[in-house]
N, C-alpha and C. Protein backbone atom coordinates (compact mmCIF):
# COMPACT_ATOMS: atom_id res chain seq x y z
N UNK A 1 0.82 -1.19 0.00
CA UNK A 1 0.00 0.00 0.00
C UNK A 1 0.86 1.26 0.00
N UNK A 2 2.02 1.20 0.69
CA UNK A 2 2.88 2.37 0.74
C UNK A 2 3.46 2.69 -0.63
N UNK A 3 3.75 1.65 -1.41
CA UNK A 3 4.29 1.88 -2.74
C UNK A 3 3.28 2.61 -3.61
N UNK A 4 2.04 2.27 -3.46
CA UNK A 4 1.00 2.92 -4.25
C UNK A 4 0.92 4.41 -3.91
N UNK A 5 1.07 4.75 -2.67
CA UNK A 5 1.07 6.14 -2.23
C UNK A 5 2.26 6.90 -2.76
N UNK A 6 3.42 6.26 -2.82
CA UNK A 6 4.63 6.89 -3.35
C UNK A 6 4.45 7.18 -4.84
N UNK A 7 3.89 6.20 -5.57
CA UNK A 7 3.66 6.41 -7.00
C UNK A 7 2.64 7.52 -7.23
N UNK A 8 1.61 7.58 -6.40
CA UNK A 8 0.58 8.62 -6.53
C UNK A 8 1.17 10.00 -6.24
N UNK A 9 2.02 10.09 -5.21
CA UNK A 9 2.66 11.37 -4.88
C UNK A 9 3.63 11.78 -5.99
N UNK A 10 4.38 10.82 -6.53
CA UNK A 10 5.30 11.11 -7.62
C UNK A 10 4.54 11.58 -8.86
N UNK A 11 3.43 10.93 -9.16
CA UNK A 11 2.62 11.32 -10.31
C UNK A 11 2.02 12.72 -10.11
N UNK A 12 1.61 13.03 -8.92
CA UNK A 12 1.05 14.36 -8.62
C UNK A 12 2.13 15.43 -8.76
N UNK A 13 3.34 15.16 -8.27
CA UNK A 13 4.43 16.13 -8.39
C UNK A 13 4.81 16.34 -9.85
N UNK A 14 4.85 15.26 -10.60
CA UNK A 14 5.18 15.35 -12.02
C UNK A 14 4.10 16.14 -12.77
N UNK A 15 2.85 15.90 -12.44
CA UNK A 15 1.75 16.64 -13.07
C UNK A 15 1.83 18.13 -12.74
N UNK A 16 2.13 18.45 -11.50
CA UNK A 16 2.27 19.86 -11.11
C UNK A 16 3.47 20.50 -11.80
N UNK A 17 4.54 19.76 -11.94
CA UNK A 17 5.72 20.28 -12.63
C UNK A 17 5.41 20.57 -14.10
N UNK A 18 4.71 19.66 -14.75
CA UNK A 18 4.32 19.87 -16.15
C UNK A 18 3.37 21.05 -16.27
N UNK A 19 2.41 21.15 -15.36
CA UNK A 19 1.48 22.28 -15.37
C UNK A 19 2.21 23.60 -15.17
N UNK A 20 3.16 23.63 -14.24
CA UNK A 20 3.94 24.85 -14.02
C UNK A 20 4.78 25.20 -15.25
N UNK A 21 5.35 24.20 -15.93
CA UNK A 21 6.14 24.45 -17.14
C UNK A 21 5.27 25.01 -18.25
N UNK A 22 4.07 24.49 -18.39
CA UNK A 22 3.17 25.00 -19.43
C UNK A 22 2.73 26.42 -19.12
N UNK A 23 2.43 26.71 -17.86
CA UNK A 23 2.00 28.06 -17.49
C UNK A 23 3.13 29.08 -17.55
N UNK A 24 4.36 28.63 -17.43
CA UNK A 24 5.48 29.58 -17.46
C UNK A 24 5.91 29.94 -18.88
N UNK A 25 5.39 29.27 -19.89
CA UNK A 25 5.71 29.62 -21.27
C UNK A 25 5.07 30.97 -21.57
N UNK A 26 5.85 31.92 -22.06
CA UNK A 26 5.27 33.25 -22.33
C UNK A 26 4.24 33.18 -23.45
N UNK A 27 3.12 33.81 -23.19
CA UNK A 27 2.06 33.86 -24.19
C UNK A 27 2.37 34.94 -25.20
N UNK A 28 2.08 34.66 -26.45
CA UNK A 28 2.30 35.65 -27.49
C UNK A 28 1.18 36.67 -27.44
N UNK A 29 1.57 37.90 -27.71
CA UNK A 29 0.56 38.95 -27.81
C UNK A 29 -0.22 38.76 -29.10
N UNK A 30 -1.27 39.51 -29.21
CA UNK A 30 -2.05 39.45 -30.44
C UNK A 30 -1.16 39.79 -31.62
N UNK A 31 -1.52 39.31 -32.77
CA UNK A 31 -0.75 39.58 -33.98
C UNK A 31 -0.72 41.08 -34.21
N UNK A 32 0.46 41.63 -34.24
CA UNK A 32 0.61 43.06 -34.47
C UNK A 32 0.26 43.39 -35.92
N UNK A 33 -0.09 44.60 -36.14
CA UNK A 33 -0.43 45.05 -37.48
C UNK A 33 0.84 45.05 -38.34
N UNK A 34 0.76 44.46 -39.49
CA UNK A 34 1.93 44.33 -40.35
C UNK A 34 2.04 45.44 -41.37
N UNK A 35 1.31 46.53 -41.18
CA UNK A 35 1.37 47.64 -42.13
C UNK A 35 2.77 48.25 -42.18
N UNK A 36 3.41 48.38 -41.05
CA UNK A 36 4.75 48.97 -41.02
C UNK A 36 5.74 48.12 -41.81
N UNK A 37 5.67 46.81 -41.65
CA UNK A 37 6.55 45.93 -42.40
C UNK A 37 6.26 46.03 -43.89
N UNK A 38 5.00 46.11 -44.26
CA UNK A 38 4.62 46.22 -45.67
C UNK A 38 5.16 47.52 -46.28
N UNK A 39 5.05 48.61 -45.55
CA UNK A 39 5.57 49.89 -46.02
C UNK A 39 7.09 49.83 -46.19
N UNK A 40 7.77 49.27 -45.20
CA UNK A 40 9.23 49.18 -45.28
C UNK A 40 9.68 48.31 -46.44
N UNK A 41 8.98 47.22 -46.70
CA UNK A 41 9.36 46.36 -47.81
C UNK A 41 9.14 47.05 -49.15
N UNK A 42 8.00 47.74 -49.28
CA UNK A 42 7.74 48.45 -50.54
C UNK A 42 8.74 49.58 -50.74
N UNK A 43 9.08 50.28 -49.67
CA UNK A 43 10.05 51.36 -49.74
C UNK A 43 11.42 50.83 -50.17
N UNK A 44 11.82 49.72 -49.58
CA UNK A 44 13.11 49.12 -49.92
C UNK A 44 13.13 48.62 -51.37
N UNK A 45 12.02 48.01 -51.81
CA UNK A 45 11.95 47.53 -53.19
C UNK A 45 12.00 48.68 -54.18
N UNK A 46 11.32 49.77 -53.87
CA UNK A 46 11.34 50.93 -54.76
C UNK A 46 12.75 51.53 -54.84
N UNK A 47 13.41 51.62 -53.73
CA UNK A 47 14.78 52.13 -53.70
C UNK A 47 15.72 51.22 -54.50
N UNK A 48 15.57 49.92 -54.36
CA UNK A 48 16.40 48.97 -55.12
C UNK A 48 16.14 49.11 -56.62
N UNK A 49 14.88 49.30 -57.00
CA UNK A 49 14.56 49.45 -58.42
C UNK A 49 15.21 50.71 -58.98
N UNK A 50 15.18 51.80 -58.24
CA UNK A 50 15.81 53.04 -58.70
C UNK A 50 17.31 52.87 -58.83
N UNK A 51 17.91 52.21 -57.84
CA UNK A 51 19.36 52.00 -57.88
C UNK A 51 19.76 51.07 -59.02
N UNK A 52 18.91 50.10 -59.33
CA UNK A 52 19.20 49.17 -60.41
C UNK A 52 19.06 49.84 -61.78
N UNK A 53 18.04 50.70 -61.93
CA UNK A 53 17.81 51.38 -63.21
C UNK A 53 18.89 52.39 -63.53
N UNK A 54 19.37 53.08 -62.52
CA UNK A 54 20.36 54.15 -62.67
C UNK A 54 19.87 55.27 -63.58
N UNK A 55 18.56 55.39 -63.72
CA UNK A 55 17.96 56.48 -64.48
C UNK A 55 17.36 57.43 -63.45
N UNK A 56 18.13 58.42 -63.07
CA UNK A 56 17.74 59.28 -61.97
C UNK A 56 16.96 60.48 -62.48
N UNK A 57 15.72 60.24 -62.85
CA UNK A 57 14.82 61.27 -63.33
C UNK A 57 13.77 61.50 -62.24
N UNK A 58 13.76 62.71 -61.67
CA UNK A 58 12.86 62.97 -60.56
C UNK A 58 11.39 62.84 -60.94
N UNK A 59 11.03 63.19 -62.18
CA UNK A 59 9.63 63.05 -62.58
C UNK A 59 9.23 61.57 -62.64
N UNK A 60 10.09 60.73 -63.18
CA UNK A 60 9.82 59.30 -63.22
C UNK A 60 9.80 58.69 -61.83
N UNK A 61 10.70 59.16 -60.97
CA UNK A 61 10.73 58.66 -59.59
C UNK A 61 9.47 59.08 -58.85
N UNK A 62 8.99 60.28 -59.13
CA UNK A 62 7.75 60.75 -58.50
C UNK A 62 6.58 59.89 -58.95
N UNK A 63 6.52 59.55 -60.24
CA UNK A 63 5.45 58.70 -60.75
C UNK A 63 5.53 57.31 -60.12
N UNK A 64 6.74 56.78 -59.96
CA UNK A 64 6.90 55.48 -59.32
C UNK A 64 6.41 55.51 -57.87
N UNK A 65 6.77 56.58 -57.16
CA UNK A 65 6.34 56.72 -55.77
C UNK A 65 4.83 56.75 -55.67
N UNK A 66 4.19 57.53 -56.54
CA UNK A 66 2.73 57.64 -56.49
C UNK A 66 2.05 56.34 -56.90
N UNK A 67 2.71 55.53 -57.72
CA UNK A 67 2.16 54.22 -58.08
C UNK A 67 2.25 53.25 -56.91
N UNK A 68 3.40 53.24 -56.24
CA UNK A 68 3.62 52.29 -55.14
C UNK A 68 2.89 52.71 -53.88
N UNK A 69 2.85 54.01 -53.60
CA UNK A 69 2.19 54.53 -52.40
C UNK A 69 1.08 55.50 -52.82
N UNK A 70 -0.06 54.99 -53.29
CA UNK A 70 -1.09 55.89 -53.84
C UNK A 70 -1.76 56.79 -52.79
N UNK A 71 -1.83 56.37 -51.56
CA UNK A 71 -2.54 57.15 -50.54
C UNK A 71 -1.60 57.74 -49.50
N UNK A 72 -0.34 57.88 -49.85
CA UNK A 72 0.63 58.38 -48.88
C UNK A 72 1.36 59.59 -49.45
N UNK A 73 1.96 60.32 -48.55
CA UNK A 73 2.81 61.43 -48.97
C UNK A 73 4.23 61.13 -48.51
N UNK A 74 5.17 61.82 -49.10
CA UNK A 74 6.55 61.57 -48.73
C UNK A 74 7.48 62.55 -49.40
N UNK A 75 8.72 62.14 -49.46
CA UNK A 75 9.77 62.99 -50.00
C UNK A 75 10.80 62.11 -50.69
N UNK A 76 11.25 62.58 -51.84
CA UNK A 76 12.30 61.89 -52.58
C UNK A 76 13.51 62.81 -52.63
N UNK A 77 14.66 62.26 -52.33
CA UNK A 77 15.89 63.03 -52.39
C UNK A 77 16.84 62.43 -53.40
N UNK A 78 17.42 63.29 -54.21
CA UNK A 78 18.40 62.87 -55.20
C UNK A 78 19.57 63.84 -55.09
N UNK A 79 20.62 63.39 -54.45
CA UNK A 79 21.75 64.29 -54.19
C UNK A 79 21.32 65.37 -53.22
N UNK A 80 21.42 66.63 -53.65
CA UNK A 80 21.01 67.75 -52.80
C UNK A 80 19.58 68.20 -53.08
N UNK A 81 18.94 67.62 -54.08
CA UNK A 81 17.57 68.00 -54.42
C UNK A 81 16.58 67.14 -53.63
N UNK A 82 15.50 67.78 -53.18
CA UNK A 82 14.43 67.06 -52.49
C UNK A 82 13.12 67.58 -53.03
N UNK A 83 12.20 66.63 -53.31
CA UNK A 83 10.87 67.04 -53.75
C UNK A 83 9.84 66.31 -52.91
N UNK A 84 8.73 67.00 -52.66
CA UNK A 84 7.61 66.41 -51.94
C UNK A 84 6.74 65.69 -52.96
N UNK A 85 6.29 64.50 -52.61
CA UNK A 85 5.47 63.69 -53.52
C UNK A 85 4.27 63.13 -52.78
N UNK A 86 3.31 62.69 -53.56
CA UNK A 86 2.13 62.05 -52.99
C UNK A 86 1.08 63.04 -52.57
N UNK A 87 0.08 62.50 -51.89
CA UNK A 87 -1.03 63.33 -51.43
C UNK A 87 -0.66 63.97 -50.10
N UNK A 88 -0.72 65.29 -50.03
CA UNK A 88 -0.39 65.91 -48.75
C UNK A 88 -1.44 65.56 -47.72
N UNK A 89 -0.98 65.19 -46.56
CA UNK A 89 -1.88 64.81 -45.49
C UNK A 89 -1.75 65.75 -44.32
N UNK A 90 -2.50 65.45 -43.30
CA UNK A 90 -2.46 66.26 -42.09
C UNK A 90 -1.23 65.93 -41.27
N UNK A 91 -1.47 65.70 -40.01
CA UNK A 91 -0.38 65.39 -39.10
C UNK A 91 0.13 63.97 -39.37
N UNK A 92 1.45 63.80 -39.36
CA UNK A 92 2.05 62.51 -39.64
C UNK A 92 2.51 61.88 -38.33
N UNK A 93 2.12 60.64 -38.12
CA UNK A 93 2.51 59.94 -36.90
C UNK A 93 3.93 59.42 -36.99
N UNK A 94 4.26 58.81 -38.12
CA UNK A 94 5.56 58.17 -38.25
C UNK A 94 6.17 58.50 -39.60
N UNK A 95 7.48 58.44 -39.65
CA UNK A 95 8.20 58.65 -40.90
C UNK A 95 9.10 57.44 -41.12
N UNK A 96 9.01 56.86 -42.31
CA UNK A 96 9.85 55.73 -42.69
C UNK A 96 10.82 56.24 -43.74
N UNK A 97 12.09 56.04 -43.52
CA UNK A 97 13.11 56.56 -44.43
C UNK A 97 14.12 55.47 -44.79
N UNK A 98 14.62 55.59 -46.01
CA UNK A 98 15.69 54.71 -46.48
C UNK A 98 16.52 55.48 -47.49
N UNK A 99 17.77 55.11 -47.63
CA UNK A 99 18.62 55.78 -48.60
C UNK A 99 19.64 54.79 -49.13
N UNK A 100 20.20 55.15 -50.26
CA UNK A 100 21.21 54.31 -50.89
C UNK A 100 22.11 55.15 -51.77
N UNK A 101 23.23 54.61 -52.12
CA UNK A 101 24.19 55.32 -52.97
C UNK A 101 24.35 54.55 -54.27
N UNK A 102 24.50 55.30 -55.36
CA UNK A 102 24.72 54.69 -56.67
C UNK A 102 25.69 55.57 -57.44
N UNK A 103 26.23 55.03 -58.50
CA UNK A 103 27.12 55.78 -59.38
C UNK A 103 26.33 56.21 -60.60
N UNK A 104 26.43 57.48 -60.94
CA UNK A 104 25.74 57.97 -62.13
C UNK A 104 26.59 57.68 -63.37
N UNK A 105 26.19 58.23 -64.51
CA UNK A 105 26.89 57.98 -65.76
C UNK A 105 28.33 58.45 -65.75
N UNK A 106 28.64 59.47 -64.95
CA UNK A 106 30.00 60.01 -64.87
C UNK A 106 30.79 59.41 -63.70
N UNK A 107 30.26 58.34 -63.11
CA UNK A 107 30.86 57.63 -61.98
C UNK A 107 31.00 58.50 -60.73
N UNK A 108 30.05 59.38 -60.54
CA UNK A 108 29.98 60.16 -59.31
C UNK A 108 28.96 59.51 -58.38
N UNK A 109 29.28 59.48 -57.10
CA UNK A 109 28.36 58.89 -56.13
C UNK A 109 27.16 59.81 -55.94
N UNK A 110 25.97 59.22 -56.04
CA UNK A 110 24.73 59.96 -55.87
C UNK A 110 23.92 59.28 -54.78
N UNK A 111 23.46 60.07 -53.83
CA UNK A 111 22.62 59.51 -52.76
C UNK A 111 21.16 59.64 -53.17
N UNK A 112 20.43 58.55 -53.05
CA UNK A 112 18.99 58.55 -53.30
C UNK A 112 18.33 58.23 -51.99
N UNK A 113 17.38 59.05 -51.59
CA UNK A 113 16.65 58.78 -50.35
C UNK A 113 15.16 58.87 -50.60
N UNK A 114 14.42 58.14 -49.78
CA UNK A 114 12.98 58.13 -49.85
C UNK A 114 12.43 58.16 -48.45
N UNK A 115 11.42 58.97 -48.22
CA UNK A 115 10.75 59.05 -46.93
C UNK A 115 9.26 58.96 -47.15
N UNK A 116 8.59 58.18 -46.33
CA UNK A 116 7.14 58.04 -46.40
C UNK A 116 6.59 58.50 -45.07
N UNK A 117 5.60 59.36 -45.13
CA UNK A 117 4.94 59.85 -43.93
C UNK A 117 3.70 59.00 -43.70
N UNK A 118 3.66 58.35 -42.56
CA UNK A 118 2.55 57.44 -42.27
C UNK A 118 1.64 57.94 -41.19
């Protein structure tokens, strides 16, 4: 009879240990909104496309920006020039920015930057 009690106590301790281990696993929060990641990926892809094309035409870049971000406003920088693009909005909560360097036709380094106001 004593052996049965030892097995029962051991089983109870093991069950409590497993329950404590399961409860101590951190619970994941609700799925966060992935809009920020989507904006950053589109911004990075647009910047890569501009760097790959090496056709640094601000009017074409503005059209590309408005195609990729139809409901957003932002800024495109090419060297020392900066132009505002997109639909002007009210107050902006966040700004997403990226930049890259490329060589133009004369092998001069040109910085291209893009900012999206979210």
